[in-house]
Amino acid sequence: MGMVELEKTSGGDPREPRRRAEAEGCLAVAVRIPVRIVVLVLVVPVRMVWDALVVGGRFLRDTVLRPVGRALAWLGRAVFVWPLVGAWRYVVVPLAKGVAWLGDVLLVVPAVWVYRWVLTPVGHALAWCGRGVGAVFAAVGRGLYAGLAWLARYLVVVPAGWLYAWVLTPVGHALAWCGKGLVWCGRGLLRGLGLVVTGVGMVLYWTVRVLLVLPALALWRWVLTPVGRVLAVIGREILDALGHAWRVAGYVSRAVGRFLGTLLRWTVAEPARWVYRSVLTPVGHAVRDTVLRPVAEAARGAGRAARQALAAARRTVREARADVRRMLFGEPAKAPAVARREPSAAEARTLGSSTTALTKD
């Protein structure tokens, strides 16, 4: 019943299973129900174990692996990345800039100066000398080439032409005539060999066809094809049964999980919440109001009394030390008072008097 409802809720026409059964035949219908029952019995425990492992893995990931990974990432940055970045920024880069400046001063600038003021003039001088020597060698080479060309013409080309015209050409014509005869003989031999090979091939073809191909074709058509179709139907039904069983096992696992969650909630979470709210919270407030606050007030009063006692003791010690210093060394000499105020209105300069505060006695 549950499987039929699952197939109906999966979408489509309700008459589709009947059409599928009529199209597939009695073999698929006979195999489907037992296979689905067996697969459902085997898959439900596997799906429940899988869902439990998934929940445990997510809990482990959220509570253990992710914080540990963040801590390891921070530790890796603190141990490896930040020291390397600091070393690169404050050691390697300044050192590289210093080395580059030294290289520019000690190598590039002297090399540029040597290239500009030494190698370039020397190169121009050598190029001018090379052009002169090249002109001399070119003139000598042209003379030698003309002499060698005349000698090659009359010592090699003219005798070779005479040899080709009066010796090699007649010999080549004779060899060509002999080759044509050999070609005609070879063609006859090849035609005979072709007829022999064709006959042997036809005999081998019919032998292989009768002894191997026709039995193999009959085996494929009348044995392997029906067996393959039966195995394909069984395999398709097993795959469909696995899919249905996996979905049904998911529903069962979800129902079991909800039941266990509800059971844990009403047996553990709700009693614990009630104990915390109804028992522990009032007891904690009572302990805080009757014990912790008076103890804290007493501790603060004791601290204030101790601080006042310490301040009085320090003041007494300072006064005793000042009395001992006065008895041993006497009163310290007082510095004369220095007037640090502005001159009064009577001492300041006025418009009707020629005296000022600087010239007045």
Protein backbone atom coordinates (compact mmCIF):
# COMPACT_ATOMS: atom_id res chain seq x y z
CA MET A 1 0.00 0.00 0.00
CA GLY A 2 2.79 2.38 0.95
CA MET A 3 4.67 1.65 -2.28
CA VAL A 4 1.55 2.34 -4.38
CA GLU A 5 0.97 5.64 -2.59
CA LEU A 6 4.64 6.53 -3.04
CA GLU A 7 4.40 5.87 -6.76
CA LYS A 8 1.21 7.97 -6.97
CA THR A 9 2.76 10.89 -5.11
CA SER A 10 5.88 10.79 -7.27
CA GLY A 11 3.93 12.53 -10.05
CA GLY A 12 2.40 11.43 -13.35
CA ASP A 13 -0.65 9.52 -14.46
CA PRO A 14 -2.02 6.92 -11.96
CA ARG A 15 -2.58 4.55 -14.90
CA GLU A 16 1.12 4.60 -15.77
CA PRO A 17 2.08 1.51 -13.61
CA ARG A 18 -0.68 -0.57 -15.33
CA ARG A 19 0.50 0.51 -18.78
CA ARG A 20 4.10 -0.21 -17.78
CA ALA A 21 3.15 -3.70 -16.48
CA GLU A 22 1.21 -4.49 -19.69
CA ALA A 23 4.16 -3.30 -21.80
CA GLU A 24 6.85 -5.18 -19.86
CA GLY A 25 5.16 -8.55 -19.54
CA CYS A 26 4.55 -11.06 -16.81
CA LEU A 27 8.24 -11.61 -16.03
CA ALA A 28 8.78 -8.04 -14.79
CA VAL A 29 5.54 -8.14 -12.77
CA ALA A 30 6.48 -11.50 -11.19
CA VAL A 31 10.00 -10.31 -10.29
CA ARG A 32 9.13 -6.81 -9.07
CA ILE A 33 7.25 -7.44 -5.80
CA PRO A 34 9.63 -10.09 -4.26
CA VAL A 35 12.68 -8.06 -5.25
CA ARG A 36 11.25 -4.89 -3.73
CA ILE A 37 10.34 -6.65 -0.48
CA VAL A 38 13.81 -8.19 -0.11
CA VAL A 39 15.58 -4.96 -1.05
CA LEU A 40 13.41 -2.95 1.38
CA VAL A 41 14.28 -5.32 4.24
CA LEU A 42 17.98 -5.02 3.40
CA VAL A 43 18.07 -1.26 2.72
CA VAL A 44 16.13 0.10 5.73
CA PRO A 45 18.89 -0.72 8.30
CA VAL A 46 21.56 0.61 5.94
CA ARG A 47 19.64 3.89 5.45
CA MET A 48 19.10 4.30 9.20
CA VAL A 49 22.80 3.69 9.89
CA TRP A 50 23.67 6.14 7.08
CA ASP A 51 21.39 8.86 8.50
CA ALA A 52 22.87 8.30 11.99
CA LEU A 53 26.39 8.63 10.59
CA VAL A 54 25.38 11.79 8.72
CA VAL A 55 23.96 13.39 11.86
CA GLY A 56 27.01 12.36 13.89
CA GLY A 57 29.35 13.67 11.21
CA ARG A 58 27.59 17.03 11.07
CA PHE A 59 27.69 17.32 14.86
CA LEU A 60 31.39 16.38 14.89
CA ARG A 61 32.07 18.88 12.10
CA ASP A 62 30.26 21.76 13.84
CA THR A 63 31.55 21.09 17.37
CA VAL A 64 35.05 19.68 16.88
CA LEU A 65 36.48 19.78 13.37
CA ARG A 66 35.51 23.35 12.44
CA PRO A 67 36.87 24.98 15.67
CA VAL A 68 39.99 22.82 15.49
CA GLY A 69 40.42 23.76 11.84
CA ARG A 70 40.07 27.46 12.62
CA ALA A 71 42.55 27.15 15.48
CA LEU A 72 45.01 25.26 13.25
CA ALA A 73 44.55 27.85 10.50
CA TRP A 74 45.23 30.70 12.92
CA LEU A 75 48.23 28.80 14.35
CA GLY A 76 49.53 28.17 10.85
CA ARG A 77 49.22 31.85 10.00
CA ALA A 78 50.91 32.84 13.26
CA VAL A 79 53.73 30.30 12.92
CA PHE A 80 54.37 30.28 9.17
CA VAL A 81 52.57 33.02 7.22
CA TRP A 82 53.14 36.08 9.41
CA PRO A 83 56.88 35.36 10.02
CA LEU A 84 57.38 34.76 6.30
CA VAL A 85 55.49 37.94 5.41
CA GLY A 86 57.52 39.91 7.97
CA ALA A 87 60.78 38.40 6.74
CA TRP A 88 59.81 39.15 3.13
CA ARG A 89 58.68 42.71 3.86
CA TYR A 90 61.36 43.80 6.33
CA VAL A 91 64.36 41.62 5.39
CA VAL A 92 64.23 40.22 1.87
CA VAL A 93 62.82 43.31 0.12
CA PRO A 94 65.25 45.83 1.71
CA LEU A 95 68.16 43.41 1.17
CA ALA A 96 67.15 42.90 -2.46
CA LYS A 97 66.87 46.66 -2.99
CA GLY A 98 70.33 47.13 -1.45
CA VAL A 99 71.81 44.36 -3.61
CA ALA A 100 70.14 45.86 -6.69
CA TRP A 101 71.58 49.30 -5.86
CA LEU A 102 75.05 47.81 -5.33
CA GLY A 103 74.75 45.84 -8.57
CA ASP A 104 73.71 48.97 -10.44
CA VAL A 105 76.56 51.00 -8.95
CA LEU A 106 79.27 48.33 -9.16
CA LEU A 107 78.31 46.52 -12.39
CA VAL A 108 75.76 48.31 -14.59
CA VAL A 109 77.22 51.81 -14.50
CA PRO A 110 80.85 50.64 -15.14
CA ALA A 111 79.66 48.24 -17.85
CA VAL A 112 77.70 51.01 -19.60
CA TRP A 113 80.71 53.33 -19.38
CA VAL A 114 83.08 50.68 -20.79
CA TYR A 115 80.61 49.84 -23.59
CA ARG A 116 80.07 53.48 -24.51
CA TRP A 117 83.62 54.84 -24.28
CA VAL A 118 85.82 51.76 -24.94
CA LEU A 119 84.04 48.94 -26.76
CA THR A 120 82.07 51.13 -29.17
CA PRO A 121 85.14 53.02 -30.57
CA VAL A 122 87.15 49.78 -30.71
CA GLY A 123 84.24 48.06 -32.50
CA HIS A 124 83.96 50.87 -35.07
CA ALA A 125 87.70 50.64 -35.74
CA LEU A 126 87.59 46.86 -36.12
CA ALA A 127 84.54 47.14 -38.42
CA TRP A 128 86.42 49.63 -40.66
CA CYS A 129 89.44 47.30 -40.80
CA GLY A 130 87.16 44.31 -41.48
CA ARG A 131 85.47 46.10 -44.37
CA GLY A 132 88.90 46.78 -45.97
CA VAL A 133 90.12 43.22 -45.49
CA GLY A 134 86.78 41.89 -46.77
CA ALA A 135 87.09 43.92 -49.95
CA VAL A 136 90.58 42.49 -50.58
CA PHE A 137 89.44 38.92 -49.90
CA ALA A 138 86.38 39.45 -52.16
CA ALA A 139 88.54 40.46 -55.09
CA VAL A 140 90.83 37.46 -54.60
CA GLY A 141 87.79 35.14 -54.21
CA ARG A 142 86.21 36.35 -57.46
CA GLY A 143 89.44 35.58 -59.33
CA LEU A 144 89.76 32.13 -57.82
CA TYR A 145 86.06 31.39 -58.58
CA ALA A 146 86.49 32.33 -62.22
CA GLY A 147 89.57 30.09 -62.59
CA LEU A 148 87.94 27.15 -60.82
CA ALA A 149 84.76 27.53 -62.91
CA TRP A 150 86.81 27.36 -66.18
CA LEU A 151 88.70 24.28 -64.98
CA ALA A 152 85.48 22.54 -63.82
CA ARG A 153 83.78 23.25 -67.16
CA TYR A 154 86.52 21.75 -69.33
CA LEU A 155 87.66 19.01 -66.96
CA VAL A 156 84.29 17.75 -65.59
CA VAL A 157 81.19 19.09 -67.41
CA VAL A 158 82.30 18.54 -71.02
CA PRO A 159 83.58 14.96 -70.45
CA ALA A 160 80.47 14.11 -68.40
CA GLY A 161 78.16 15.32 -71.21
CA TRP A 162 80.07 13.23 -73.79
CA LEU A 163 79.88 10.14 -71.51
CA TYR A 164 76.12 10.59 -70.98
CA ALA A 165 75.37 11.09 -74.69
CA TRP A 166 77.50 8.25 -76.17
CA VAL A 167 77.72 5.65 -73.37
CA LEU A 168 75.04 5.90 -70.68
CA THR A 169 72.09 6.61 -73.01
CA PRO A 170 72.54 3.46 -75.22
CA VAL A 171 73.15 1.32 -72.13
CA GLY A 172 70.00 2.78 -70.47
CA HIS A 173 67.82 2.02 -73.52
CA ALA A 174 69.02 -1.59 -73.52
CA LEU A 175 68.34 -1.98 -69.80
CA ALA A 176 64.85 -0.43 -70.23
CA TRP A 177 63.98 -2.97 -72.98
CA CYS A 178 65.11 -5.82 -70.70
CA GLY A 179 63.11 -4.34 -67.80
CA LYS A 180 59.89 -4.24 -69.86
CA GLY A 181 60.25 -7.95 -70.56
CA LEU A 182 60.78 -8.69 -66.90
CA VAL A 183 57.71 -6.59 -66.03
CA TRP A 184 55.49 -8.61 -68.38
CA CYS A 185 56.78 -11.85 -66.83
CA GLY A 186 56.18 -10.50 -63.32
CA ARG A 187 52.63 -9.48 -64.20
CA GLY A 188 51.84 -13.01 -65.36
CA LEU A 189 53.28 -14.51 -62.20
CA LEU A 190 51.34 -12.05 -60.02
CA ARG A 191 48.07 -12.83 -61.84
CA GLY A 192 48.56 -16.56 -61.25
CA LEU A 193 49.41 -16.01 -57.60
CA GLY A 194 46.29 -13.80 -57.28
CA LEU A 195 44.05 -16.57 -58.61
CA VAL A 196 45.58 -19.07 -56.20
CA VAL A 197 45.23 -16.70 -53.23
CA THR A 198 41.61 -15.91 -54.18
CA GLY A 199 40.68 -19.59 -54.26
CA VAL A 200 42.36 -20.29 -50.94
CA GLY A 201 40.64 -17.23 -49.42
CA MET A 202 37.20 -18.35 -50.58
CA VAL A 203 37.77 -21.80 -49.08
CA LEU A 204 38.94 -20.31 -45.77
CA TYR A 205 36.04 -17.81 -45.74
CA TRP A 206 33.37 -20.47 -46.14
CA THR A 207 35.12 -22.73 -43.65
CA VAL A 208 35.25 -19.99 -40.99
CA ARG A 209 31.67 -18.92 -41.79
CA VAL A 210 30.25 -22.43 -41.46
CA LEU A 211 32.31 -23.51 -38.45
CA LEU A 212 32.46 -20.23 -36.41
CA VAL A 213 30.26 -17.38 -37.63
CA LEU A 214 26.95 -19.24 -38.11
CA PRO A 215 27.17 -21.07 -34.71
CA ALA A 216 28.16 -17.85 -32.97
CA LEU A 217 25.29 -15.99 -34.65
CA ALA A 218 22.81 -18.68 -33.60
CA LEU A 219 24.18 -18.64 -30.05
CA TRP A 220 23.86 -14.84 -29.92
CA ARG A 221 20.35 -14.79 -31.43
CA TRP A 222 18.72 -17.74 -29.64
CA VAL A 223 20.61 -17.93 -26.31
CA LEU A 224 22.51 -14.80 -25.31
CA THR A 225 19.89 -12.27 -26.44
CA PRO A 226 16.96 -13.84 -24.47
CA VAL A 227 19.18 -14.36 -21.40
CA GLY A 228 20.42 -10.76 -21.67
CA ARG A 229 16.86 -9.46 -21.88
CA VAL A 230 15.89 -11.45 -18.78
CA LEU A 231 18.96 -10.20 -16.90
CA ALA A 232 18.23 -6.62 -18.05
CA VAL A 233 14.67 -6.86 -16.72
CA ILE A 234 15.92 -8.28 -13.41
CA GLY A 235 18.61 -5.63 -13.14
CA ARG A 236 16.21 -2.80 -13.94
CA GLU A 237 13.77 -4.11 -11.35
CA ILE A 238 16.56 -4.35 -8.78
CA LEU A 239 17.63 -0.77 -9.48
CA ASP A 240 14.03 0.47 -9.26
CA ALA A 241 13.57 -1.51 -6.06
CA LEU A 242 16.73 0.02 -4.61
CA GLY A 243 15.44 3.50 -5.44
CA HIS A 244 12.02 2.90 -3.89
CA ALA A 245 13.55 1.14 -0.89
CA TRP A 246 16.01 4.00 -0.33
CA ARG A 247 13.21 6.56 -0.38
CA VAL A 248 10.97 4.46 1.89
CA ALA A 249 13.92 3.89 4.22
CA GLY A 250 14.43 7.66 4.29
CA TYR A 251 10.85 8.17 5.43
CA VAL A 252 11.26 5.42 8.05
CA SER A 253 14.57 6.84 9.26
CA ARG A 254 13.08 10.33 9.44
CA ALA A 255 10.12 9.04 11.47
CA VAL A 256 12.45 7.14 13.83
CA GLY A 257 14.64 10.20 14.21
CA ARG A 258 11.65 12.41 14.99
CA PHE A 259 10.41 9.84 17.51
CA LEU A 260 13.80 9.67 19.22
CA GLY A 261 14.08 13.47 19.20
CA THR A 262 10.63 13.83 20.74
CA LEU A 263 11.46 11.12 23.29
CA LEU A 264 14.72 12.85 24.27
CA ARG A 265 12.94 16.19 24.44
CA TRP A 266 10.21 15.01 26.81
CA THR A 267 12.46 12.71 28.88
CA VAL A 268 15.64 14.81 29.12
CA ALA A 269 15.37 18.35 27.70
CA GLU A 270 12.01 19.39 29.14
CA PRO A 271 12.73 17.97 32.67
CA ALA A 272 16.14 19.61 32.61
CA ARG A 273 14.60 22.92 31.52
CA TRP A 274 11.93 22.65 34.22
CA VAL A 275 14.59 21.86 36.87
CA TYR A 276 16.72 24.78 35.70
CA ARG A 277 13.79 27.20 35.56
CA SER A 278 11.86 26.08 38.64
CA VAL A 279 14.61 24.86 40.98
CA LEU A 280 18.11 25.97 40.05
CA THR A 281 17.21 29.57 39.10
CA PRO A 282 15.36 30.39 42.41
CA VAL A 283 18.07 28.61 44.42
CA GLY A 284 20.75 30.53 42.55
CA HIS A 285 18.96 33.85 43.12
CA ALA A 286 18.55 33.01 46.82
CA VAL A 287 22.23 32.06 47.15
CA ARG A 288 23.20 35.24 45.33
CA ASP A 289 21.00 37.48 47.53
CA THR A 290 21.69 35.77 50.89
CA VAL A 291 25.32 34.66 50.56
CA LEU A 292 27.23 36.04 47.60
CA ARG A 293 26.19 39.70 47.84
CA PRO A 294 26.86 40.00 51.63
CA VAL A 295 30.19 38.26 51.15
CA ALA A 296 31.03 40.62 48.27
CA GLU A 297 30.01 43.68 50.33
CA ALA A 298 32.13 42.44 53.27
CA ALA A 299 35.07 41.82 50.93
CA ARG A 300 34.73 45.32 49.44
CA GLY A 301 34.52 46.87 52.95
CA ALA A 302 37.60 44.90 54.05
CA GLY A 303 39.41 46.06 50.93
CA ARG A 304 38.54 49.71 51.61
CA ALA A 305 39.67 49.40 55.24
CA ALA A 306 42.92 47.76 54.14
CA ARG A 307 43.56 50.50 51.57
CA GLN A 308 42.87 53.22 54.16
CA ALA A 309 45.19 51.51 56.67
CA LEU A 310 47.93 51.25 54.04
CA ALA A 311 47.49 54.92 53.07
CA ALA A 312 47.71 55.99 56.75
CA ALA A 313 50.81 53.82 57.22
CA ARG A 314 52.49 55.35 54.17
CA ARG A 315 51.63 58.87 55.36
CA THR A 316 53.06 58.10 58.83
CA VAL A 317 56.27 56.72 57.31
CA ARG A 318 56.69 59.82 55.12
CA GLU A 319 56.21 62.14 58.13
CA ALA A 320 58.68 60.13 60.25
CA ARG A 321 61.26 60.24 57.47
CA ALA A 322 60.83 64.02 57.10
CA ASP A 323 61.26 64.48 60.92
CA VAL A 324 64.48 62.40 60.90
CA ARG A 325 65.83 64.42 57.95
CA ARG A 326 65.08 67.73 59.75
CA MET A 327 66.80 66.47 62.96
CA LEU A 328 69.92 65.39 61.08
CA PHE A 329 70.31 68.10 58.45
CA GLY A 330 68.13 70.94 59.70
CA GLU A 331 65.46 72.87 57.86
CA PRO A 332 66.13 73.18 54.14
CA ALA A 333 66.92 76.69 52.86
CA LYS A 334 63.91 78.36 51.29
CA ALA A 335 64.40 79.85 47.81
CA PRO A 336 63.78 83.62 47.53
CA ALA A 337 60.41 84.51 46.11
CA VAL A 338 60.56 85.82 42.57
CA ALA A 339 57.90 88.20 41.32
CA ARG A 340 56.32 86.59 38.29
CA ARG A 341 53.44 89.01 37.83
CA GLU A 342 52.76 91.80 35.32
CA PRO A 343 53.47 95.45 36.33
CA SER A 344 50.49 97.21 37.88
CA ALA A 345 48.60 100.03 36.27
CA ALA A 346 50.53 102.66 38.32
CA GLU A 347 53.92 101.22 37.22
CA ALA A 348 53.00 100.88 33.58
CA ARG A 349 53.70 103.52 30.96
CA THR A 350 51.02 106.17 30.50
CA LEU A 351 50.38 108.75 27.87
CA GLY A 352 50.84 111.73 30.25
CA SER A 353 54.18 110.60 31.77
CA SER A 354 57.64 110.18 30.24
CA THR A 355 58.71 107.45 32.68
CA THR A 356 58.24 103.78 32.06
CA ALA A 357 58.46 100.68 34.15
CA LEU A 358 61.99 100.05 32.83
CA THR A 359 63.46 103.52 33.70
CA LYS A 360 61.69 103.98 37.03
CA ASP A 361 63.70 103.48 40.22
